[in-house]
Amino acid sequence: MPQRPVVGVLLAAGRGSRFDAAGVANKLLAPLPDGTPVAVQAARHLMQALSDVVAVVPAAATHGAQVDQLATLLAEAGCEVLRCPDAARGMGASLAAGVAARPQAGGWIIALADMPWIAPETITQVANAVDPHGCVAPFHAGQRGHPIGFGADFFAGLTALDGDEGARRLIDPAKLIRIETDDAGILRDVDTPADLAR
């Protein structure tokens, strides 16, 4: 475990066009069976594993009231909310902004707000395996899932991301630290309303 703390970056700036083609409903606010909004459960699980979490939301949107509601809920969950003016450019821009907000971190755990079923224990395992030079990912049944951990050496690469480009190109499969887990939640996200009750 690095001496400097590992920071969580929760990407919550996407709307999810497949969830609602009309663009009215924000899937991150959709309730899970127990009533908890999708993004709130993802944030709570991240907060249980890490003491410092930056949640990235859009700076402005057509549905401003929904973005404000999301920001309020994530702040109540314990996250520092970062409004990203470039969020509309894609996940890469949001990811870069979140990492840039914590330049002195010992590493970053990049988590997606539409993946509320990842166990806090899994996130802790990933965080504990982060070293300055490597990437860490959980695997279930042979498949790589989320969240992904990046060591401090990746700061320049992560903050240079933009548009829809995620951090995949920064990961060297040959050097990737694998965490084998029984946690199927690392592979489950919310794409459509049917996924909420899956």
Protein backbone atom coordinates (compact mmCIF):
# COMPACT_ATOMS: atom_id res chain seq x y z
CA MET A 1 0.00 0.00 0.00
CA PRO A 2 1.50 3.36 -0.94
CA GLN A 3 2.13 5.86 1.83
CA ARG A 4 0.09 8.50 0.07
CA PRO A 5 -3.61 7.60 0.11
CA VAL A 6 -5.32 6.08 -2.87
CA VAL A 7 -8.23 8.25 -4.03
CA GLY A 8 -11.49 7.12 -5.59
CA VAL A 9 -12.73 8.81 -8.77
CA LEU A 10 -16.41 8.13 -9.43
CA LEU A 11 -17.41 8.89 -13.01
CA ALA A 12 -20.99 10.18 -12.86
CA ALA A 13 -21.14 12.52 -15.83
CA GLY A 14 -22.80 10.24 -18.39
CA ARG A 15 -26.55 10.10 -18.97
CA GLY A 16 -26.94 6.72 -20.58
CA SER A 17 -28.73 7.01 -23.91
CA ARG A 18 -29.53 3.29 -23.95
CA PHE A 19 -31.40 3.64 -20.65
CA ASP A 20 -33.80 6.24 -22.02
CA ALA A 21 -33.66 7.03 -25.73
CA ALA A 22 -35.82 10.12 -25.14
CA GLY A 23 -33.06 11.54 -22.95
CA VAL A 24 -35.45 12.39 -20.12
CA ALA A 25 -34.43 9.96 -17.37
CA ASN A 26 -30.94 9.99 -15.88
CA LYS A 27 -30.11 6.35 -15.15
CA LEU A 28 -27.81 7.36 -12.29
CA LEU A 29 -30.86 8.63 -10.39
CA ALA A 30 -32.95 5.52 -11.14
CA PRO A 31 -33.92 3.61 -7.99
CA LEU A 32 -32.65 0.13 -7.26
CA PRO A 33 -35.15 -2.35 -5.74
CA ASP A 34 -34.53 -0.93 -2.23
CA GLY A 35 -35.09 2.64 -3.46
CA THR A 36 -31.44 3.71 -3.43
CA PRO A 37 -30.42 5.63 -6.57
CA VAL A 38 -27.88 3.79 -8.73
CA ALA A 39 -25.10 6.37 -8.34
CA VAL A 40 -25.65 6.71 -4.60
CA GLN A 41 -25.11 3.00 -3.99
CA ALA A 42 -21.98 3.05 -6.18
CA ALA A 43 -20.70 6.06 -4.20
CA ARG A 44 -21.45 4.48 -0.82
CA HIS A 45 -19.56 1.32 -1.71
CA LEU A 46 -16.59 3.38 -2.88
CA MET A 47 -16.69 5.48 0.31
CA GLN A 48 -16.71 2.34 2.46
CA ALA A 49 -13.40 1.33 0.88
CA LEU A 50 -11.70 4.73 0.48
CA SER A 51 -11.69 7.81 2.68
CA ASP A 52 -11.42 10.26 -0.22
CA VAL A 53 -13.69 10.08 -3.26
CA VAL A 54 -14.09 12.66 -6.03
CA ALA A 55 -17.36 12.31 -7.95
CA VAL A 56 -17.33 13.89 -11.41
CA VAL A 57 -20.64 15.28 -12.70
CA PRO A 58 -21.41 17.60 -15.63
CA ALA A 59 -20.96 21.33 -15.05
CA ALA A 60 -24.10 22.11 -16.99
CA ALA A 61 -26.71 20.13 -18.85
CA THR A 62 -30.07 20.44 -20.53
CA HIS A 63 -31.49 18.64 -17.50
CA GLY A 64 -29.84 20.93 -14.96
CA ALA A 65 -32.22 20.02 -12.14
CA GLN A 66 -31.30 16.33 -12.46
CA VAL A 67 -27.59 17.15 -12.42
CA ASP A 68 -28.08 19.32 -9.33
CA GLN A 69 -30.00 16.50 -7.65
CA LEU A 70 -27.26 14.01 -8.52
CA ALA A 71 -24.56 16.36 -7.19
CA THR A 72 -26.47 16.84 -3.93
CA LEU A 73 -26.99 13.11 -3.41
CA LEU A 74 -23.33 12.31 -4.09
CA ALA A 75 -22.20 15.04 -1.69
CA GLU A 76 -24.55 13.63 0.97
CA ALA A 77 -22.95 10.21 0.38
CA GLY A 78 -19.59 11.73 1.34
CA CYS A 79 -18.01 12.48 -2.03
CA GLU A 80 -16.38 15.70 -3.06
CA VAL A 81 -18.38 16.66 -6.14
CA LEU A 82 -16.46 18.06 -9.10
CA ARG A 83 -18.44 19.72 -11.87
CA CYS A 84 -16.58 19.05 -15.10
CA PRO A 85 -17.12 21.68 -17.83
CA ASP A 86 -15.82 19.25 -20.46
CA ALA A 87 -18.00 16.30 -19.43
CA ALA A 88 -19.98 16.41 -22.68
CA ARG A 89 -16.78 15.54 -24.55
CA GLY A 90 -16.84 12.04 -23.05
CA MET A 91 -15.58 9.76 -20.31
CA GLY A 92 -11.92 10.57 -20.95
CA ALA A 93 -12.43 14.25 -20.15
CA SER A 94 -14.30 13.43 -16.92
CA LEU A 95 -11.67 10.90 -15.87
CA ALA A 96 -8.86 13.39 -16.50
CA ALA A 97 -10.62 16.06 -14.44
CA GLY A 98 -11.19 13.71 -11.51
CA VAL A 99 -7.57 12.57 -11.38
CA ALA A 100 -6.28 16.15 -11.80
CA ALA A 101 -8.26 17.11 -8.69
CA ARG A 102 -5.97 14.88 -6.60
CA PRO A 103 -2.44 15.26 -8.05
CA GLN A 104 -0.72 14.18 -4.82
CA ALA A 105 -2.59 10.88 -4.48
CA GLY A 106 -0.71 7.61 -4.19
CA GLY A 107 -2.98 6.26 -6.91
CA TRP A 108 -6.54 6.40 -8.16
CA ILE A 109 -9.40 3.91 -8.24
CA ILE A 110 -11.50 4.69 -11.31
CA ALA A 111 -15.09 3.62 -10.69
CA LEU A 112 -18.26 3.96 -12.74
CA ALA A 113 -21.42 5.34 -11.15
CA ASP A 114 -23.61 2.94 -13.14
CA MET A 115 -22.02 -0.09 -11.43
CA PRO A 116 -23.70 -0.18 -8.00
CA TRP A 117 -23.16 -3.87 -7.21
CA ILE A 118 -19.37 -3.94 -6.67
CA ALA A 119 -18.69 -5.03 -3.10
CA PRO A 120 -16.71 -2.58 -0.92
CA GLU A 121 -14.37 -5.46 -0.04
CA THR A 122 -13.47 -5.84 -3.72
CA ILE A 123 -12.68 -2.12 -4.00
CA THR A 124 -10.50 -2.41 -0.89
CA GLN A 125 -8.60 -5.33 -2.43
CA VAL A 126 -7.93 -3.33 -5.59
CA ALA A 127 -6.82 -0.29 -3.59
CA ASN A 128 -4.50 -2.34 -1.40
CA ALA A 129 -2.78 -3.77 -4.48
CA VAL A 130 -2.04 -0.37 -6.07
CA ASP A 131 1.65 0.44 -6.35
CA PRO A 132 3.17 3.57 -7.97
CA HIS A 133 4.09 1.84 -11.23
CA GLY A 134 1.21 -0.52 -11.94
CA CYS A 135 -2.43 -1.01 -12.79
CA VAL A 136 -4.77 -3.28 -10.86
CA ALA A 137 -8.02 -4.87 -12.03
CA PRO A 138 -10.47 -7.39 -10.56
CA PHE A 139 -11.31 -10.52 -12.57
CA HIS A 140 -14.37 -12.74 -12.26
CA ALA A 141 -14.83 -15.94 -14.26
CA GLY A 142 -11.96 -14.94 -16.52
CA GLN A 143 -13.36 -11.50 -17.33
CA ARG A 144 -11.79 -8.20 -16.34
CA GLY A 145 -14.15 -5.91 -14.48
CA HIS A 146 -14.21 -2.65 -12.53
CA PRO A 147 -12.96 -0.64 -10.76
CA ILE A 148 -9.45 -0.19 -12.14
CA GLY A 149 -6.58 1.01 -9.97
CA PHE A 150 -3.74 3.16 -11.30
CA GLY A 151 -0.51 3.99 -9.50
CA ALA A 152 0.90 7.50 -9.11
CA ASP A 153 3.14 7.12 -12.18
CA PHE A 154 0.03 7.24 -14.39
CA PHE A 155 -0.88 10.83 -13.46
CA ALA A 156 0.34 12.36 -16.73
CA GLY A 157 -1.32 9.69 -18.87
CA LEU A 158 -4.64 9.86 -17.05
CA THR A 159 -4.87 13.64 -17.04
CA ALA A 160 -4.11 13.73 -20.79
CA LEU A 161 -7.21 11.67 -21.65
CA ASP A 162 -10.03 13.38 -23.53
CA GLY A 163 -13.17 12.68 -25.47
CA ASP A 164 -14.66 9.20 -25.30
CA GLU A 165 -11.26 7.59 -24.83
CA GLY A 166 -11.06 5.76 -21.54
CA ALA A 167 -7.88 4.63 -19.83
CA ARG A 168 -7.74 1.25 -21.61
CA ARG A 169 -4.71 2.18 -23.72
CA LEU A 170 -2.71 2.95 -20.58
CA ILE A 171 -3.07 -0.62 -19.31
CA ASP A 172 -0.31 -3.06 -20.25
CA PRO A 173 -1.95 -6.52 -20.01
CA ALA A 174 1.45 -8.11 -19.39
CA LYS A 175 2.02 -5.98 -16.28
CA LEU A 176 -1.55 -5.81 -15.02
CA ILE A 177 -1.99 -6.89 -11.40
CA ARG A 178 -4.95 -9.27 -11.33
CA ILE A 179 -7.29 -9.63 -8.36
CA GLU A 180 -9.34 -12.81 -8.68
CA THR A 181 -12.73 -12.42 -7.04
CA ASP A 182 -16.08 -14.17 -6.65
CA ASP A 183 -17.74 -10.74 -6.84
CA ALA A 184 -19.88 -10.83 -10.00
CA GLY A 185 -20.77 -7.19 -9.34
CA ILE A 186 -17.52 -6.14 -11.02
CA LEU A 187 -19.12 -7.05 -14.36
CA ARG A 188 -22.65 -5.68 -13.82
CA ASP A 189 -23.71 -2.24 -14.93
CA VAL A 190 -27.01 -0.48 -15.57
CA ASP A 191 -27.63 -0.04 -19.28
CA THR A 192 -31.41 -0.44 -19.46
CA PRO A 193 -34.30 -0.22 -16.94
CA ALA A 194 -34.43 -4.04 -16.91
CA ASP A 195 -30.92 -4.12 -15.42
CA LEU A 196 -32.12 -2.41 -12.22
CA ALA A 197 -33.86 -5.55 -10.98
CA ARG A 198 -31.47 -8.12 -12.42
